[in-house]
Amino acid sequence: MKRRHTDDEVEDSIAELARALVGLRSVEDMQAFLVDLCTPAELEALTDRWRVVPLVAEGVPYREIHERTLVSVTTIGRVARTFERGTGGYAAALARTPQAGSRETTA
């Protein structure tokens, strides 16, 4: 049975992962790391969430986001909630992403 980690251990592990991510200098290296790190289902979930972020930031209605991306309304709601009440990670990444607002988000 998997041992539960303490909050401090989880925070330390997240910090280690964040350092690994920040250390990657190219899109190609980051993409290779993500493909190695995540299962296909995890990658799909991550990319679905990320595709929704710019649209949520623009205030696009959930149903329209769903029609444009085919991401579930439940996931869109979770992204929107986190965007508004989370730690600011989505907004920080969006602000640093070239062409974040101009990319097409169709499936």
N, C-alpha and C. Protein backbone atom coordinates (compact mmCIF):
# COMPACT_ATOMS: atom_id res chain seq x y z
N MET A 1 0.84 -1.18 0.00
CA MET A 1 0.00 0.00 0.00
C MET A 1 0.89 1.25 0.00
N LYS A 2 0.47 2.23 -0.77
CA LYS A 2 1.24 3.46 -0.88
C LYS A 2 1.14 4.26 0.41
N ARG A 3 2.29 4.72 0.86
CA ARG A 3 2.37 5.53 2.07
C ARG A 3 1.90 6.95 1.77
N ARG A 4 1.11 7.52 2.64
CA ARG A 4 0.66 8.90 2.49
C ARG A 4 1.81 9.84 2.84
N HIS A 5 1.96 10.87 2.06
CA HIS A 5 3.01 11.85 2.31
C HIS A 5 2.48 12.97 3.19
N THR A 6 3.36 13.54 3.98
CA THR A 6 2.98 14.69 4.79
C THR A 6 2.85 15.91 3.88
N ASP A 7 2.19 16.94 4.37
CA ASP A 7 2.07 18.18 3.60
C ASP A 7 3.45 18.75 3.24
N ASP A 8 4.39 18.67 4.17
CA ASP A 8 5.74 19.17 3.90
C ASP A 8 6.42 18.36 2.80
N GLU A 9 6.24 17.04 2.82
CA GLU A 9 6.83 16.20 1.78
C GLU A 9 6.23 16.51 0.41
N VAL A 10 4.94 16.74 0.38
CA VAL A 10 4.27 17.09 -0.87
C VAL A 10 4.81 18.42 -1.37
N GLU A 11 4.89 19.40 -0.51
CA GLU A 11 5.43 20.72 -0.90
C GLU A 11 6.85 20.60 -1.41
N ASP A 12 7.67 19.80 -0.75
CA ASP A 12 9.06 19.60 -1.20
C ASP A 12 9.10 18.94 -2.57
N SER A 13 8.24 17.96 -2.77
CA SER A 13 8.20 17.25 -4.06
C SER A 13 7.74 18.18 -5.19
N ILE A 14 6.76 19.01 -4.90
CA ILE A 14 6.30 19.97 -5.90
C ILE A 14 7.42 20.96 -6.22
N ALA A 15 8.14 21.40 -5.21
CA ALA A 15 9.26 22.32 -5.44
C ALA A 15 10.34 21.67 -6.29
N GLU A 16 10.64 20.39 -6.04
CA GLU A 16 11.64 19.68 -6.85
C GLU A 16 11.19 19.59 -8.31
N LEU A 17 9.93 19.25 -8.53
CA LEU A 17 9.40 19.18 -9.88
C LEU A 17 9.44 20.56 -10.54
N ALA A 18 9.06 21.59 -9.81
CA ALA A 18 9.09 22.95 -10.35
C ALA A 18 10.51 23.34 -10.76
N ARG A 19 11.50 22.98 -9.95
CA ARG A 19 12.89 23.28 -10.31
C ARG A 19 13.30 22.56 -11.58
N ALA A 20 12.86 21.31 -11.73
CA ALA A 20 13.17 20.56 -12.96
C ALA A 20 12.53 21.24 -14.17
N LEU A 21 11.30 21.68 -14.03
CA LEU A 21 10.61 22.34 -15.14
C LEU A 21 11.27 23.66 -15.51
N VAL A 22 11.61 24.45 -14.51
CA VAL A 22 12.25 25.74 -14.75
C VAL A 22 13.64 25.55 -15.38
N GLY A 23 14.28 24.45 -15.08
CA GLY A 23 15.60 24.20 -15.63
C GLY A 23 15.61 23.85 -17.11
N LEU A 24 14.48 23.48 -17.65
CA LEU A 24 14.42 23.15 -19.07
C LEU A 24 14.35 24.45 -19.87
N ARG A 25 15.18 24.55 -20.89
CA ARG A 25 15.33 25.83 -21.59
C ARG A 25 14.66 25.91 -22.95
N SER A 26 14.18 24.81 -23.47
CA SER A 26 13.56 24.87 -24.79
C SER A 26 12.19 24.19 -24.77
N VAL A 27 11.37 24.57 -25.71
CA VAL A 27 10.06 23.94 -25.84
C VAL A 27 10.24 22.45 -26.11
N GLU A 28 11.22 22.11 -26.93
CA GLU A 28 11.46 20.69 -27.26
C GLU A 28 11.85 19.88 -26.03
N ASP A 29 12.71 20.45 -25.18
CA ASP A 29 13.10 19.75 -23.96
C ASP A 29 11.91 19.60 -23.01
N MET A 30 11.12 20.66 -22.89
CA MET A 30 9.95 20.61 -22.01
C MET A 30 8.95 19.59 -22.53
N GLN A 31 8.72 19.58 -23.83
CA GLN A 31 7.78 18.63 -24.41
C GLN A 31 8.25 17.20 -24.17
N ALA A 32 9.54 16.94 -24.37
CA ALA A 32 10.08 15.59 -24.15
C ALA A 32 9.91 15.19 -22.68
N PHE A 33 10.17 16.12 -21.78
CA PHE A 33 10.03 15.84 -20.35
C PHE A 33 8.58 15.50 -20.00
N LEU A 34 7.64 16.30 -20.51
CA LEU A 34 6.23 16.05 -20.22
C LEU A 34 5.77 14.71 -20.77
N VAL A 35 6.20 14.37 -21.97
CA VAL A 35 5.83 13.09 -22.57
C VAL A 35 6.40 11.93 -21.75
N ASP A 36 7.63 12.09 -21.26
CA ASP A 36 8.24 11.05 -20.42
C ASP A 36 7.57 10.96 -19.05
N LEU A 37 7.19 12.10 -18.50
CA LEU A 37 6.66 12.17 -17.14
C LEU A 37 5.22 11.69 -17.04
N CYS A 38 4.40 12.04 -18.02
CA CYS A 38 2.96 11.85 -17.91
C CYS A 38 2.46 10.71 -18.79
N THR A 39 1.36 10.12 -18.36
CA THR A 39 0.66 9.15 -19.20
C THR A 39 -0.08 9.93 -20.30
N PRO A 40 -0.48 9.25 -21.36
CA PRO A 40 -1.27 9.96 -22.38
C PRO A 40 -2.53 10.60 -21.81
N ALA A 41 -3.20 9.94 -20.88
CA ALA A 41 -4.40 10.52 -20.28
C ALA A 41 -4.07 11.77 -19.46
N GLU A 42 -2.96 11.73 -18.73
CA GLU A 42 -2.55 12.91 -17.96
C GLU A 42 -2.21 14.07 -18.88
N LEU A 43 -1.50 13.78 -19.97
CA LEU A 43 -1.17 14.84 -20.93
C LEU A 43 -2.43 15.43 -21.54
N GLU A 44 -3.40 14.59 -21.86
CA GLU A 44 -4.65 15.09 -22.42
C GLU A 44 -5.36 16.00 -21.42
N ALA A 45 -5.39 15.59 -20.15
CA ALA A 45 -6.04 16.41 -19.13
C ALA A 45 -5.32 17.74 -18.96
N LEU A 46 -4.00 17.71 -18.94
CA LEU A 46 -3.23 18.95 -18.80
C LEU A 46 -3.44 19.88 -19.98
N THR A 47 -3.39 19.33 -21.19
CA THR A 47 -3.54 20.17 -22.37
C THR A 47 -4.98 20.69 -22.49
N ASP A 48 -5.96 19.89 -22.11
CA ASP A 48 -7.34 20.38 -22.10
C ASP A 48 -7.46 21.59 -21.18
N ARG A 49 -6.93 21.47 -19.99
CA ARG A 49 -7.02 22.59 -19.03
C ARG A 49 -6.33 23.83 -19.58
N TRP A 50 -5.14 23.62 -20.14
CA TRP A 50 -4.37 24.76 -20.64
C TRP A 50 -5.08 25.43 -21.82
N ARG A 51 -5.72 24.67 -22.69
CA ARG A 51 -6.44 25.24 -23.83
C ARG A 51 -7.60 26.12 -23.37
N VAL A 52 -8.14 25.83 -22.21
CA VAL A 52 -9.28 26.56 -21.67
C VAL A 52 -8.85 27.87 -21.01
N VAL A 53 -7.65 27.93 -20.46
CA VAL A 53 -7.21 29.08 -19.67
C VAL A 53 -7.35 30.41 -20.43
N PRO A 54 -6.82 30.55 -21.65
CA PRO A 54 -6.95 31.86 -22.31
C PRO A 54 -8.40 32.27 -22.55
N LEU A 55 -9.24 31.30 -22.81
CA LEU A 55 -10.66 31.60 -23.06
C LEU A 55 -11.35 32.03 -21.79
N VAL A 56 -11.04 31.38 -20.67
CA VAL A 56 -11.58 31.79 -19.37
C VAL A 56 -11.10 33.20 -19.05
N ALA A 57 -9.82 33.47 -19.31
CA ALA A 57 -9.27 34.80 -19.03
C ALA A 57 -9.95 35.88 -19.86
N GLU A 58 -10.38 35.52 -21.06
CA GLU A 58 -11.09 36.47 -21.93
C GLU A 58 -12.56 36.61 -21.55
N GLY A 59 -13.05 35.76 -20.66
CA GLY A 59 -14.45 35.84 -20.25
C GLY A 59 -15.42 35.16 -21.20
N VAL A 60 -14.91 34.24 -22.02
CA VAL A 60 -15.77 33.51 -22.94
C VAL A 60 -16.71 32.62 -22.13
N PRO A 61 -17.98 32.58 -22.46
CA PRO A 61 -18.93 31.73 -21.72
C PRO A 61 -18.54 30.25 -21.80
N TYR A 62 -18.85 29.52 -20.73
CA TYR A 62 -18.47 28.11 -20.64
C TYR A 62 -18.95 27.29 -21.82
N ARG A 63 -20.19 27.48 -22.21
CA ARG A 63 -20.76 26.68 -23.32
C ARG A 63 -20.00 26.95 -24.62
N GLU A 64 -19.63 28.20 -24.84
CA GLU A 64 -18.86 28.53 -26.05
C GLU A 64 -17.47 27.91 -25.98
N ILE A 65 -16.86 27.94 -24.79
CA ILE A 65 -15.55 27.30 -24.63
C ILE A 65 -15.68 25.81 -24.96
N HIS A 66 -16.73 25.19 -24.43
CA HIS A 66 -16.96 23.77 -24.71
C HIS A 66 -17.11 23.53 -26.20
N GLU A 67 -17.90 24.34 -26.87
CA GLU A 67 -18.11 24.17 -28.32
C GLU A 67 -16.80 24.34 -29.10
N ARG A 68 -15.95 25.26 -28.66
CA ARG A 68 -14.71 25.53 -29.38
C ARG A 68 -13.61 24.52 -29.08
N THR A 69 -13.63 23.93 -27.88
CA THR A 69 -12.52 23.06 -27.47
C THR A 69 -12.91 21.60 -27.26
N LEU A 70 -14.21 21.36 -27.08
CA LEU A 70 -14.74 20.04 -26.72
C LEU A 70 -14.31 19.58 -25.33
N VAL A 71 -13.79 20.49 -24.53
CA VAL A 71 -13.46 20.19 -23.14
C VAL A 71 -14.77 20.23 -22.34
N SER A 72 -14.91 19.33 -21.38
CA SER A 72 -16.16 19.25 -20.61
C SER A 72 -16.42 20.54 -19.84
N VAL A 73 -17.69 20.84 -19.67
CA VAL A 73 -18.08 22.03 -18.92
C VAL A 73 -17.60 21.91 -17.47
N THR A 74 -17.57 20.71 -16.94
CA THR A 74 -17.07 20.50 -15.57
C THR A 74 -15.61 20.92 -15.47
N THR A 75 -14.79 20.49 -16.42
CA THR A 75 -13.37 20.87 -16.42
C THR A 75 -13.23 22.38 -16.61
N ILE A 76 -14.01 22.95 -17.49
CA ILE A 76 -13.96 24.39 -17.71
C ILE A 76 -14.29 25.13 -16.41
N GLY A 77 -15.30 24.66 -15.69
CA GLY A 77 -15.65 25.27 -14.41
C GLY A 77 -14.53 25.17 -13.39
N ARG A 78 -13.87 24.03 -13.35
CA ARG A 78 -12.76 23.85 -12.41
C ARG A 78 -11.60 24.79 -12.76
N VAL A 79 -11.30 24.89 -14.05
CA VAL A 79 -10.24 25.80 -14.49
C VAL A 79 -10.60 27.23 -14.12
N ALA A 80 -11.84 27.62 -14.38
CA ALA A 80 -12.27 28.99 -14.07
C ALA A 80 -12.18 29.28 -12.58
N ARG A 81 -12.61 28.33 -11.76
CA ARG A 81 -12.53 28.50 -10.30
C ARG A 81 -11.08 28.67 -9.86
N THR A 82 -10.21 27.83 -10.40
CA THR A 82 -8.80 27.91 -10.03
C THR A 82 -8.18 29.20 -10.55
N PHE A 83 -8.55 29.59 -11.76
CA PHE A 83 -8.04 30.84 -12.33
C PHE A 83 -8.40 32.02 -11.43
N GLU A 84 -9.61 32.01 -10.91
CA GLU A 84 -10.09 33.12 -10.07
C GLU A 84 -9.61 33.04 -8.62
N ARG A 85 -9.54 31.83 -8.06
CA ARG A 85 -9.28 31.70 -6.62
C ARG A 85 -8.03 30.90 -6.28
N GLY A 86 -7.27 30.50 -7.28
CA GLY A 86 -6.08 29.68 -7.04
C GLY A 86 -4.89 30.51 -6.61
N THR A 87 -3.72 29.99 -6.87
CA THR A 87 -2.49 30.63 -6.42
C THR A 87 -1.90 31.60 -7.44
N GLY A 88 -2.56 31.75 -8.58
CA GLY A 88 -2.08 32.70 -9.59
C GLY A 88 -1.20 32.07 -10.65
N GLY A 89 -1.04 30.75 -10.59
CA GLY A 89 -0.18 30.08 -11.55
C GLY A 89 -0.66 30.17 -12.99
N TYR A 90 -1.96 30.00 -13.19
CA TYR A 90 -2.50 30.10 -14.55
C TYR A 90 -2.23 31.49 -15.12
N ALA A 91 -2.53 32.52 -14.35
CA ALA A 91 -2.36 33.90 -14.84
C ALA A 91 -0.88 34.20 -15.12
N ALA A 92 0.00 33.72 -14.25
CA ALA A 92 1.43 33.96 -14.46
C ALA A 92 1.92 33.27 -15.73
N ALA A 93 1.50 32.03 -15.93
CA ALA A 93 1.92 31.31 -17.13
C ALA A 93 1.32 31.96 -18.38
N LEU A 94 0.07 32.36 -18.31
CA LEU A 94 -0.59 32.99 -19.44
C LEU A 94 0.11 34.30 -19.82
N ALA A 95 0.50 35.07 -18.83
CA ALA A 95 1.17 36.35 -19.08
C ALA A 95 2.54 36.15 -19.74
N ARG A 96 3.14 35.00 -19.52
CA ARG A 96 4.49 34.74 -20.06
C ARG A 96 4.48 33.88 -21.31
N THR A 97 3.29 33.56 -21.81
CA THR A 97 3.19 32.70 -22.98
C THR A 97 3.05 33.54 -24.23
N PRO A 98 4.00 33.44 -25.15
CA PRO A 98 3.88 34.21 -26.39
C PRO A 98 2.61 33.80 -27.14
N GLN A 99 1.94 34.78 -27.67
CA GLN A 99 0.74 34.56 -28.50
C GLN A 99 -0.36 33.84 -27.74
N ALA A 100 -0.39 33.94 -26.42
CA ALA A 100 -1.39 33.21 -25.63
C ALA A 100 -2.80 33.57 -26.03
N GLY A 101 -3.06 34.82 -26.28
CA GLY A 101 -4.41 35.20 -26.62
C GLY A 101 -4.77 35.03 -28.07
N SER A 102 -3.77 34.75 -28.94
CA SER A 102 -4.06 34.72 -30.36
C SER A 102 -4.11 33.33 -30.96
N ARG A 103 -3.81 32.30 -30.16
CA ARG A 103 -3.81 30.96 -30.73
C ARG A 103 -5.22 30.42 -30.89
N GLU A 104 -5.41 29.61 -31.89
CA GLU A 104 -6.72 28.99 -32.15
C GLU A 104 -6.88 27.80 -31.21
N THR A 105 -8.05 27.65 -30.64
CA THR A 105 -8.26 26.60 -29.64
C THR A 105 -9.31 25.61 -30.08
N THR A 106 -9.40 25.35 -31.34
CA THR A 106 -10.35 24.34 -31.79
C THR A 106 -9.74 22.96 -31.66
N ALA A 107 -10.61 21.97 -31.53
CA ALA A 107 -10.13 20.60 -31.35
C ALA A 107 -9.64 20.03 -32.66
